[in-house]
């Protein structure tokens, strides 16, 4: 019981990150969970979850002159700190098609 209380007080959480790259670069990345803009590629994105070991992520990438593209992937939450996660992000590459 004391160990559980200690974990709660220290804010024990799992962290993970992804380096999202598109071909071509310069695409806006939107989190489909809440429609927030995560950045413009290449972009490093970080997640934090309490006790989860993985997080399922749905994104859309969009760029003028190219078709919007959605992508889904699992992020492994294997780091104990944000800094650790950002230092070793998972690589996600998305190829975009020109619009006609």
PDB file of N, CA and C in Angstrom:
ATOM      1  N   UNK A   1       0.813  -1.188   0.000  1.00  0.00           N
ATOM      2  CA  UNK A   1       0.000   0.000   0.000  1.00  0.00           C
ATOM      3  C   UNK A   1       0.861   1.259   0.000  1.00  0.00           C
ATOM      4  N   UNK A   2       1.917   1.262   0.797  1.00  0.00           N
ATOM      5  CA  UNK A   2       2.816   2.413   0.827  1.00  0.00           C
ATOM      6  C   UNK A   2       3.522   2.601  -0.509  1.00  0.00           C
ATOM      7  N   UNK A   3       3.884   1.493  -1.148  1.00  0.00           N
ATOM      8  CA  UNK A   3       4.553   1.588  -2.453  1.00  0.00           C
ATOM      9  C   UNK A   3       3.637   2.227  -3.478  1.00  0.00           C
ATOM     10  N   UNK A   4       2.367   1.859  -3.469  1.00  0.00           N
ATOM     11  CA  UNK A   4       1.407   2.444  -4.399  1.00  0.00           C
ATOM     12  C   UNK A   4       1.251   3.936  -4.143  1.00  0.00           C
ATOM     13  N   UNK A   5       1.171   4.336  -2.892  1.00  0.00           N
ATOM     14  CA  UNK A   5       1.057   5.749  -2.539  1.00  0.00           C
ATOM     15  C   UNK A   5       2.299   6.508  -2.982  1.00  0.00           C
ATOM     16  N   UNK A   6       3.461   5.904  -2.839  1.00  0.00           N
ATOM     17  CA  UNK A   6       4.703   6.558  -3.255  1.00  0.00           C
ATOM     18  C   UNK A   6       4.715   6.769  -4.760  1.00  0.00           C
ATOM     19  N   UNK A   7       4.225   5.794  -5.524  1.00  0.00           N
ATOM     20  CA  UNK A   7       4.167   5.943  -6.979  1.00  0.00           C
ATOM     21  C   UNK A   7       3.234   7.074  -7.379  1.00  0.00           C
ATOM     22  N   UNK A   8       2.102   7.169  -6.705  1.00  0.00           N
ATOM     23  CA  UNK A   8       1.159   8.234  -7.015  1.00  0.00           C
ATOM     24  C   UNK A   8       1.730   9.602  -6.680  1.00  0.00           C
ATOM     25  N   UNK A   9       2.430   9.717  -5.592  1.00  0.00           N
ATOM     26  CA  UNK A   9       3.002  11.000  -5.179  1.00  0.00           C
ATOM     27  C   UNK A   9       4.146  11.447  -6.076  1.00  0.00           C
ATOM     28  N   UNK A  10       4.900  10.507  -6.633  1.00  0.00           N
ATOM     29  CA  UNK A  10       6.028  10.876  -7.489  1.00  0.00           C
ATOM     30  C   UNK A  10       5.584  11.168  -8.912  1.00  0.00           C
ATOM     31  N   UNK A  11       4.299  10.969  -9.216  1.00  0.00           N
ATOM     32  CA  UNK A  11       3.812  11.271 -10.550  1.00  0.00           C
ATOM     33  C   UNK A  11       4.321  10.291 -11.583  1.00  0.00           C
ATOM     34  N   UNK A  12       4.431   9.039 -11.207  1.00  0.00           N
ATOM     35  CA  UNK A  12       4.927   7.998 -12.106  1.00  0.00           C
ATOM     36  C   UNK A  12       4.114   8.004 -13.390  1.00  0.00           C
ATOM     37  N   UNK A  13       4.782   8.155 -14.501  1.00  0.00           N
ATOM     38  CA  UNK A  13       4.112   8.162 -15.795  1.00  0.00           C
ATOM     39  C   UNK A  13       5.045   7.574 -16.830  1.00  0.00           C
ATOM     40  N   UNK A  14       4.464   7.143 -17.912  1.00  0.00           N
ATOM     41  CA  UNK A  14       5.230   6.612 -19.030  1.00  0.00           C
ATOM     42  C   UNK A  14       5.220   7.636 -20.157  1.00  0.00           C
ATOM     43  N   UNK A  15       6.364   7.792 -20.788  1.00  0.00           N
ATOM     44  CA  UNK A  15       6.520   8.799 -21.842  1.00  0.00           C
ATOM     45  C   UNK A  15       6.958   8.135 -23.138  1.00  0.00           C
ATOM     46  N   UNK A  16       6.499   8.701 -24.248  1.00  0.00           N
ATOM     47  CA  UNK A  16       6.902   8.232 -25.563  1.00  0.00           C
ATOM     48  C   UNK A  16       6.892   9.392 -26.532  1.00  0.00           C
ATOM     49  N   UNK A  17       7.634   9.244 -27.618  1.00  0.00           N
ATOM     50  CA  UNK A  17       7.700  10.309 -28.613  1.00  0.00           C
ATOM     51  C   UNK A  17       7.811   9.707 -30.005  1.00  0.00           C
ATOM     52  N   UNK A  18       7.415  10.501 -30.990  1.00  0.00           N
ATOM     53  CA  UNK A  18       7.544  10.099 -32.390  1.00  0.00           C
ATOM     54  C   UNK A  18       8.115  11.274 -33.174  1.00  0.00           C
ATOM     55  N   UNK A  19       9.021  10.959 -34.092  1.00  0.00           N
ATOM     56  CA  UNK A  19       9.524  11.940 -35.056  1.00  0.00           C
ATOM     57  C   UNK A  19       8.763  11.666 -36.340  1.00  0.00           C
ATOM     58  N   UNK A  20       7.859  12.584 -36.679  1.00  0.00           N
ATOM     59  CA  UNK A  20       7.010  12.406 -37.854  1.00  0.00           C
ATOM     60  C   UNK A  20       7.627  13.161 -39.022  1.00  0.00           C
ATOM     61  N   UNK A  21       7.871  12.422 -40.086  1.00  0.00           N
ATOM     62  CA  UNK A  21       8.483  12.984 -41.291  1.00  0.00           C
ATOM     63  C   UNK A  21       7.569  12.686 -42.467  1.00  0.00           C
ATOM     64  N   UNK A  22       7.373  13.666 -43.330  1.00  0.00           N
ATOM     65  CA  UNK A  22       6.596  13.435 -44.546  1.00  0.00           C
ATOM     66  C   UNK A  22       7.479  13.666 -45.756  1.00  0.00           C
ATOM     67  N   UNK A  23       7.095  13.012 -46.842  1.00  0.00           N
ATOM     68  CA  UNK A  23       7.738  13.255 -48.136  1.00  0.00           C
ATOM     69  C   UNK A  23       6.666  13.802 -49.037  1.00  0.00           C
ATOM     70  N   UNK A  24       6.673  15.097 -49.364  1.00  0.00           N
ATOM     71  CA  UNK A  24       7.676  16.091 -49.015  1.00  0.00           C
ATOM     72  C   UNK A  24       7.469  16.618 -47.588  1.00  0.00           C
ATOM     73  N   UNK A  25       8.497  17.268 -47.071  1.00  0.00           N
ATOM     74  CA  UNK A  25       8.394  17.862 -45.738  1.00  0.00           C
ATOM     75  C   UNK A  25       7.549  19.136 -45.807  1.00  0.00           C
ATOM     76  N   UNK A  26       7.246  19.682 -44.643  1.00  0.00           N
ATOM     77  CA  UNK A  26       6.469  20.920 -44.587  1.00  0.00           C
ATOM     78  C   UNK A  26       4.975  20.711 -44.493  1.00  0.00           C
ATOM     79  N   UNK A  27       4.539  19.493 -44.158  1.00  0.00           N
ATOM     80  CA  UNK A  27       3.108  19.221 -44.016  1.00  0.00           C
ATOM     81  C   UNK A  27       2.668  19.489 -42.582  1.00  0.00           C
ATOM     82  N   UNK A  28       1.469  20.003 -42.437  1.00  0.00           N
ATOM     83  CA  UNK A  28       0.889  20.228 -41.117  1.00  0.00           C
ATOM     84  C   UNK A  28       0.368  18.895 -40.580  1.00  0.00           C
ATOM     85  N   UNK A  29       0.650  18.624 -39.296  1.00  0.00           N
ATOM     86  CA  UNK A  29       0.223  17.378 -38.654  1.00  0.00           C
ATOM     87  C   UNK A  29      -0.893  17.711 -37.662  1.00  0.00           C
ATOM     88  N   UNK A  30      -2.039  17.039 -37.833  1.00  0.00           N
ATOM     89  CA  UNK A  30      -3.204  17.281 -36.986  1.00  0.00           C
ATOM     90  C   UNK A  30      -3.527  16.008 -36.208  1.00  0.00           C
ATOM     91  N   UNK A  31      -3.690  16.134 -34.895  1.00  0.00           N
ATOM     92  CA  UNK A  31      -4.093  15.027 -34.038  1.00  0.00           C
ATOM     93  C   UNK A  31      -5.601  14.849 -34.208  1.00  0.00           C
ATOM     94  N   UNK A  32      -6.033  13.693 -34.715  1.00  0.00           N
ATOM     95  CA  UNK A  32      -7.452  13.481 -34.969  1.00  0.00           C
ATOM     96  C   UNK A  32      -8.259  13.228 -33.691  1.00  0.00           C
ATOM     97  N   UNK A  33      -7.584  13.002 -32.583  1.00  0.00           N
ATOM     98  CA  UNK A  33      -8.277  12.804 -31.308  1.00  0.00           C
ATOM     99  C   UNK A  33      -8.990  14.081 -30.861  1.00  0.00           C
ATOM    100  N   UNK A  34      -8.340  15.235 -31.097  1.00  0.00           N
ATOM    101  CA  UNK A  34      -8.929  16.498 -30.642  1.00  0.00           C
ATOM    102  C   UNK A  34      -8.746  17.642 -31.645  1.00  0.00           C
ATOM    103  N   UNK A  35      -8.299  17.313 -32.858  1.00  0.00           N
ATOM    104  CA  UNK A  35      -8.104  18.287 -33.946  1.00  0.00           C
ATOM    105  C   UNK A  35      -7.080  19.373 -33.632  1.00  0.00           C
ATOM    106  N   UNK A  36      -6.136  19.093 -32.741  1.00  0.00           N
ATOM    107  CA  UNK A  36      -5.076  20.068 -32.477  1.00  0.00           C
ATOM    108  C   UNK A  36      -3.957  19.900 -33.499  1.00  0.00           C
ATOM    109  N   UNK A  37      -3.314  21.000 -33.828  1.00  0.00           N
ATOM    110  CA  UNK A  37      -2.171  20.968 -34.735  1.00  0.00           C
ATOM    111  C   UNK A  37      -0.934  20.631 -33.908  1.00  0.00           C
ATOM    112  N   UNK A  38      -0.238  19.562 -34.297  1.00  0.00           N
ATOM    113  CA  UNK A  38       0.948  19.109 -33.566  1.00  0.00           C
ATOM    114  C   UNK A  38       2.223  19.773 -34.064  1.00  0.00           C
ATOM    115  N   UNK A  39       2.181  20.329 -35.268  1.00  0.00           N
ATOM    116  CA  UNK A  39       3.345  20.994 -35.825  1.00  0.00           C
ATOM    117  C   UNK A  39       3.448  20.764 -37.318  1.00  0.00           C
ATOM    118  N   UNK A  40       4.585  21.156 -37.881  1.00  0.00           N
ATOM    119  CA  UNK A  40       4.860  21.017 -39.307  1.00  0.00           C
ATOM    120  C   UNK A  40       6.071  20.109 -39.457  1.00  0.00           C
ATOM    121  N   UNK A  41       5.974  19.164 -40.384  1.00  0.00           N
ATOM    122  CA  UNK A  41       7.034  18.163 -40.542  1.00  0.00           C
ATOM    123  C   UNK A  41       8.311  18.757 -41.105  1.00  0.00           C
ATOM    124  N   UNK A  42       9.428  18.197 -40.630  1.00  0.00           N
ATOM    125  CA  UNK A  42       9.546  17.140 -39.632  1.00  0.00           C
ATOM    126  C   UNK A  42       9.245  17.684 -38.234  1.00  0.00           C
ATOM    127  N   UNK A  43       8.495  16.915 -37.446  1.00  0.00           N
ATOM    128  CA  UNK A  43       8.100  17.361 -36.113  1.00  0.00           C
ATOM    129  C   UNK A  43       8.243  16.209 -35.120  1.00  0.00           C
ATOM    130  N   UNK A  44       8.708  16.538 -33.938  1.00  0.00           N
ATOM    131  CA  UNK A  44       8.833  15.571 -32.853  1.00  0.00           C
ATOM    132  C   UNK A  44       7.678  15.829 -31.889  1.00  0.00           C
ATOM    133  N   UNK A  45       6.908  14.777 -31.611  1.00  0.00           N
ATOM    134  CA  UNK A  45       5.728  14.899 -30.760  1.00  0.00           C
ATOM    135  C   UNK A  45       5.894  13.964 -29.568  1.00  0.00           C
ATOM    136  N   UNK A  46       5.458  14.423 -28.395  1.00  0.00           N
ATOM    137  CA  UNK A  46       5.648  13.692 -27.142  1.00  0.00           C
ATOM    138  C   UNK A  46       4.299  13.420 -26.497  1.00  0.00           C
ATOM    139  N   UNK A  47       4.165  12.212 -25.883  1.00  0.00           N
ATOM    140  CA  UNK A  47       2.955  11.826 -25.163  1.00  0.00           C
ATOM    141  C   UNK A  47       3.324  11.330 -23.773  1.00  0.00           C
ATOM    142  N   UNK A  48       2.390  11.507 -22.851  1.00  0.00           N
ATOM    143  CA  UNK A  48       2.569  11.027 -21.475  1.00  0.00           C
ATOM    144  C   UNK A  48       1.273  10.359 -21.031  1.00  0.00           C
ATOM    145  N   UNK A  49       1.389   9.169 -20.493  1.00  0.00           N
ATOM    146  CA  UNK A  49       0.231   8.431 -19.998  1.00  0.00           C
ATOM    147  C   UNK A  49       0.583   7.869 -18.632  1.00  0.00           C
ATOM    148  N   UNK A  50      -0.401   7.695 -17.784  1.00  0.00           N
ATOM    149  CA  UNK A  50      -0.180   7.187 -16.436  1.00  0.00           C
ATOM    150  C   UNK A  50       0.471   5.821 -16.390  1.00  0.00           C
ATOM    151  N   UNK A  51      -0.306   4.768 -16.570  1.00  0.00           N
ATOM    152  CA  UNK A  51       0.236   3.417 -16.444  1.00  0.00           C
ATOM    153  C   UNK A  51       0.269   2.671 -17.770  1.00  0.00           C
ATOM    154  N   UNK A  52      -0.197   3.296 -18.823  1.00  0.00           N
ATOM    155  CA  UNK A  52      -0.225   2.640 -20.131  1.00  0.00           C
ATOM    156  C   UNK A  52       1.188   2.431 -20.664  1.00  0.00           C
ATOM    157  N   UNK A  53       1.371   1.386 -21.453  1.00  0.00           N
ATOM    158  CA  UNK A  53       2.672   1.097 -22.066  1.00  0.00           C
ATOM    159  C   UNK A  53       2.699   1.461 -23.547  1.00  0.00           C
ATOM    160  N   UNK A  54       1.512   1.659 -24.134  1.00  0.00           N
ATOM    161  CA  UNK A  54       1.413   2.043 -25.541  1.00  0.00           C
ATOM    162  C   UNK A  54       0.252   3.014 -25.711  1.00  0.00           C
ATOM    163  N   UNK A  55       0.363   3.848 -26.738  1.00  0.00           N
ATOM    164  CA  UNK A  55      -0.718   4.787 -27.054  1.00  0.00           C
ATOM    165  C   UNK A  55      -0.989   4.698 -28.552  1.00  0.00           C
ATOM    166  N   UNK A  56      -2.263   4.559 -28.908  1.00  0.00           N
ATOM    167  CA  UNK A  56      -2.655   4.525 -30.312  1.00  0.00           C
ATOM    168  C   UNK A  56      -2.897   5.956 -30.766  1.00  0.00           C
ATOM    169  N   UNK A  57      -2.265   6.347 -31.857  1.00  0.00           N
ATOM    170  CA  UNK A  57      -2.312   7.727 -32.338  1.00  0.00           C
ATOM    171  C   UNK A  57      -2.892   7.752 -33.750  1.00  0.00           C
ATOM    172  N   UNK A  58      -3.841   8.650 -33.988  1.00  0.00           N
ATOM    173  CA  UNK A  58      -4.413   8.898 -35.315  1.00  0.00           C
ATOM    174  C   UNK A  58      -4.071  10.331 -35.710  1.00  0.00           C
ATOM    175  N   UNK A  59      -3.440  10.496 -36.861  1.00  0.00           N
ATOM    176  CA  UNK A  59      -3.096  11.842 -37.328  1.00  0.00           C
ATOM    177  C   UNK A  59      -3.530  12.029 -38.780  1.00  0.00           C
ATOM    178  N   UNK A  60      -3.602  13.288 -39.178  1.00  0.00           N
ATOM    179  CA  UNK A  60      -3.802  13.652 -40.584  1.00  0.00           C
ATOM    180  C   UNK A  60      -2.675  14.607 -40.946  1.00  0.00           C
ATOM    181  N   UNK A  61      -2.085  14.399 -42.125  1.00  0.00           N
ATOM    182  CA  UNK A  61      -1.085  15.348 -42.618  1.00  0.00           C
ATOM    183  C   UNK A  61      -1.687  16.054 -43.825  1.00  0.00           C
ATOM    184  N   UNK A  62      -1.406  17.350 -43.935  1.00  0.00           N
ATOM    185  CA  UNK A  62      -1.997  18.144 -45.010  1.00  0.00           C
ATOM    186  C   UNK A  62      -1.001  19.189 -45.490  1.00  0.00           C
ATOM    187  N   UNK A  63      -0.983  19.354 -46.808  1.00  0.00           N
ATOM    188  CA  UNK A  63      -0.083  20.333 -47.423  1.00  0.00           C
ATOM    189  C   UNK A  63      -0.691  20.756 -48.746  1.00  0.00           C
ATOM    190  N   UNK A  64      -0.631  22.048 -49.036  1.00  0.00           N
ATOM    191  CA  UNK A  64      -1.156  22.550 -50.311  1.00  0.00           C
ATOM    192  C   UNK A  64      -0.487  21.823 -51.467  1.00  0.00           C
ATOM    193  N   UNK A  65      -1.307  21.418 -52.446  1.00  0.00           N
ATOM    194  CA  UNK A  65      -0.795  20.733 -53.625  1.00  0.00           C
ATOM    195  C   UNK A  65      -0.704  19.220 -53.453  1.00  0.00           C
ATOM    196  N   UNK A  66      -1.049  18.724 -52.250  1.00  0.00           N
ATOM    197  CA  UNK A  66      -0.990  17.288 -51.958  1.00  0.00           C
ATOM    198  C   UNK A  66      -2.302  16.839 -51.325  1.00  0.00           C
ATOM    199  N   UNK A  67      -2.626  15.566 -51.509  1.00  0.00           N
ATOM    200  CA  UNK A  67      -3.819  15.006 -50.887  1.00  0.00           C
ATOM    201  C   UNK A  67      -3.592  14.842 -49.390  1.00  0.00           C
ATOM    202  N   UNK A  68      -4.608  15.194 -48.619  1.00  0.00           N
ATOM    203  CA  UNK A  68      -4.544  14.927 -47.180  1.00  0.00           C
ATOM    204  C   UNK A  68      -4.388  13.425 -46.991  1.00  0.00           C
ATOM    205  N   UNK A  69      -3.644  13.050 -45.968  1.00  0.00           N
ATOM    206  CA  UNK A  69      -3.438  11.630 -45.707  1.00  0.00           C
ATOM    207  C   UNK A  69      -3.565  11.383 -44.212  1.00  0.00           C
ATOM    208  N   UNK A  70      -4.277  10.316 -43.859  1.00  0.00           N
ATOM    209  CA  UNK A  70      -4.375   9.939 -42.452  1.00  0.00           C
ATOM    210  C   UNK A  70      -3.437   8.774 -42.195  1.00  0.00           C
ATOM    211  N   UNK A  71      -2.983   8.693 -40.961  1.00  0.00           N
ATOM    212  CA  UNK A  71      -2.085   7.615 -40.567  1.00  0.00           C
ATOM    213  C   UNK A  71      -2.348   7.284 -39.103  1.00  0.00           C
ATOM    214  N   UNK A  72      -2.205   6.020 -38.769  1.00  0.00           N
ATOM    215  CA  UNK A  72      -2.358   5.559 -37.392  1.00  0.00           C
ATOM    216  C   UNK A  72      -1.138   4.744 -37.016  1.00  0.00           C
ATOM    217  N   UNK A  73      -0.714   4.863 -35.776  1.00  0.00           N
ATOM    218  CA  UNK A  73       0.431   4.095 -35.303  1.00  0.00           C
ATOM    219  C   UNK A  73       0.391   4.003 -33.784  1.00  0.00           C
ATOM    220  N   UNK A  74       1.110   3.021 -33.258  1.00  0.00           N
ATOM    221  CA  UNK A  74       1.262   2.850 -31.812  1.00  0.00           C
ATOM    222  C   UNK A  74       2.565   3.503 -31.377  1.00  0.00           C
ATOM    223  N   UNK A  75       2.519   4.270 -30.314  1.00  0.00           N
ATOM    224  CA  UNK A  75       3.722   4.822 -29.701  1.00  0.00           C
ATOM    225  C   UNK A  75       3.996   4.009 -28.445  1.00  0.00           C
ATOM    226  N   UNK A  76       5.212   3.489 -28.334  1.00  0.00           N
ATOM    227  CA  UNK A  76       5.602   2.750 -27.144  1.00  0.00           C
ATOM    228  C   UNK A  76       6.029   3.742 -26.078  1.00  0.00           C
ATOM    229  N   UNK A  77       5.390   3.668 -24.922  1.00  0.00           N
ATOM    230  CA  UNK A  77       5.672   4.580 -23.812  1.00  0.00           C
ATOM    231  C   UNK A  77       6.676   3.890 -22.896  1.00  0.00           C
ATOM    232  N   UNK A  78       7.937   3.946 -23.299  1.00  0.00           N
ATOM    233  CA  UNK A  78       8.979   3.165 -22.625  1.00  0.00           C
ATOM    234  C   UNK A  78       9.946   4.000 -21.799  1.00  0.00           C
ATOM    235  N   UNK A  79       9.734   5.286 -21.730  1.00  0.00           N
ATOM    236  CA  UNK A  79      10.666   6.168 -21.019  1.00  0.00           C
ATOM    237  C   UNK A  79      10.037   6.699 -19.737  1.00  0.00           C
ATOM    238  N   UNK A  80      10.876   6.946 -18.749  1.00  0.00           N
ATOM    239  CA  UNK A  80      10.376   7.470 -17.479  1.00  0.00           C
ATOM    240  C   UNK A  80      10.328   8.999 -17.463  1.00  0.00           C
ATOM    241  N   UNK A  81      10.943   9.647 -18.473  1.00  0.00           N
ATOM    242  CA  UNK A  81      10.936  11.112 -18.527  1.00  0.00           C
ATOM    243  C   UNK A  81      10.630  11.600 -19.937  1.00  0.00           C
ATOM    244  N   UNK A  82      10.147  12.827 -20.015  1.00  0.00           N
ATOM    245  CA  UNK A  82       9.903  13.470 -21.309  1.00  0.00           C
ATOM    246  C   UNK A  82      11.211  13.593 -22.084  1.00  0.00           C
ATOM    247  N   UNK A  83      12.271  13.981 -21.390  1.00  0.00           N
ATOM    248  CA  UNK A  83      13.576  14.165 -22.040  1.00  0.00           C
ATOM    249  C   UNK A  83      14.076  12.855 -22.659  1.00  0.00           C
ATOM    250  N   UNK A  84      13.899  11.753 -21.933  1.00  0.00           N
ATOM    251  CA  UNK A  84      14.305  10.448 -22.456  1.00  0.00           C
ATOM    252  C   UNK A  84      13.526  10.076 -23.704  1.00  0.00           C
ATOM    253  N   UNK A  85      12.226  10.335 -23.692  1.00  0.00           N
ATOM    254  CA  UNK A  85      11.387  10.030 -24.846  1.00  0.00           C
ATOM    255  C   UNK A  85      11.780  10.872 -26.051  1.00  0.00           C
ATOM    256  N   UNK A  86      12.008  12.168 -25.835  1.00  0.00           N
ATOM    257  CA  UNK A  86      12.369  13.055 -26.953  1.00  0.00           C
ATOM    258  C   UNK A  86      13.759  12.749 -27.505  1.00  0.00           C
ATOM    259  N   UNK A  87      14.627  12.188 -26.672  1.00  0.00           N
ATOM    260  CA  UNK A  87      15.974  11.833 -27.127  1.00  0.00           C
ATOM    261  C   UNK A  87      15.965  10.584 -28.006  1.00  0.00           C
ATOM    262  N   UNK A  88      14.934   9.733 -27.856  1.00  0.00           N
ATOM    263  CA  UNK A  88      14.847   8.483 -28.620  1.00  0.00           C
ATOM    264  C   UNK A  88      13.442   8.296 -29.187  1.00  0.00           C
ATOM    265  N   UNK A  89      13.018   9.185 -30.107  1.00  0.00           N
ATOM    266  CA  UNK A  89      11.661   9.066 -30.651  1.00  0.00           C
ATOM    267  C   UNK A  89      11.547   7.917 -31.655  1.00  0.00           C
ATOM    268  N   UNK A  90      10.336   7.405 -31.785  1.00  0.00           N
ATOM    269  CA  UNK A  90      10.046   6.447 -32.849  1.00  0.00           C
ATOM    270  C   UNK A  90       9.968   7.227 -34.150  1.00  0.00           C
ATOM    271  N   UNK A  91      10.392   6.611 -35.248  1.00  0.00           N
ATOM    272  CA  UNK A  91      10.376   7.285 -36.541  1.00  0.00           C
ATOM    273  C   UNK A  91       9.123   6.896 -37.309  1.00  0.00           C
ATOM    274  N   UNK A  92       8.382   7.891 -37.780  1.00  0.00           N
ATOM    275  CA  UNK A  92       7.175   7.663 -38.571  1.00  0.00           C
ATOM    276  C   UNK A  92       7.354   8.418 -39.882  1.00  0.00           C
ATOM    277  N   UNK A  93       7.284   7.697 -41.008  1.00  0.00           N
ATOM    278  CA  UNK A  93       7.437   8.334 -42.316  1.00  0.00           C
ATOM    279  C   UNK A  93       6.151   8.167 -43.104  1.00  0.00           C
ATOM    280  N   UNK A  94       5.696   9.268 -43.704  1.00  0.00           N
ATOM    281  CA  UNK A  94       4.459   9.259 -44.474  1.00  0.00           C
ATOM    282  C   UNK A  94       4.745   9.876 -45.843  1.00  0.00           C
ATOM    283  N   UNK A  95       4.429   9.127 -46.891  1.00  0.00           N
ATOM    284  CA  UNK A  95       4.597   9.640 -48.256  1.00  0.00           C
ATOM    285  C   UNK A  95       3.266  10.199 -48.722  1.00  0.00           C
ATOM    286  N   UNK A  96       3.319  11.429 -49.214  1.00  0.00           N
ATOM    287  CA  UNK A  96       2.110  12.104 -49.659  1.00  0.00           C
ATOM    288  C   UNK A  96       2.032  12.083 -51.181  1.00  0.00           C
ATOM    289  N   UNK A  97       0.793  12.049 -51.706  1.00  0.00           N
ATOM    290  CA  UNK A  97       0.570  12.039 -53.151  1.00  0.00           C
ATOM    291  C   UNK A  97       0.141  13.433 -53.601  1.00  0.00           C
ATOM    292  N   UNK A  98       0.654  13.848 -54.768  1.00  0.00           N
ATOM    293  CA  UNK A  98       0.251  15.142 -55.322  1.00  0.00           C
ATOM    294  C   UNK A  98      -1.232  15.111 -55.663  1.00  0.00           C
ATOM    295  N   UNK A  99      -1.892  16.240 -55.444  1.00  0.00           N
ATOM    296  CA  UNK A  99      -3.294  16.319 -55.835  1.00  0.00           C
ATOM    297  C   UNK A  99      -3.353  16.589 -57.339  1.00  0.00           C
ATOM    298  N   UNK A 100      -4.451  16.206 -57.929  1.00  0.00           N
ATOM    299  CA  UNK A 100      -4.568  16.356 -59.386  1.00  0.00           C
ATOM    300  C   UNK A 100      -5.312  17.584 -59.759  1.00  0.00           C
TER     301      UNK A 100
END
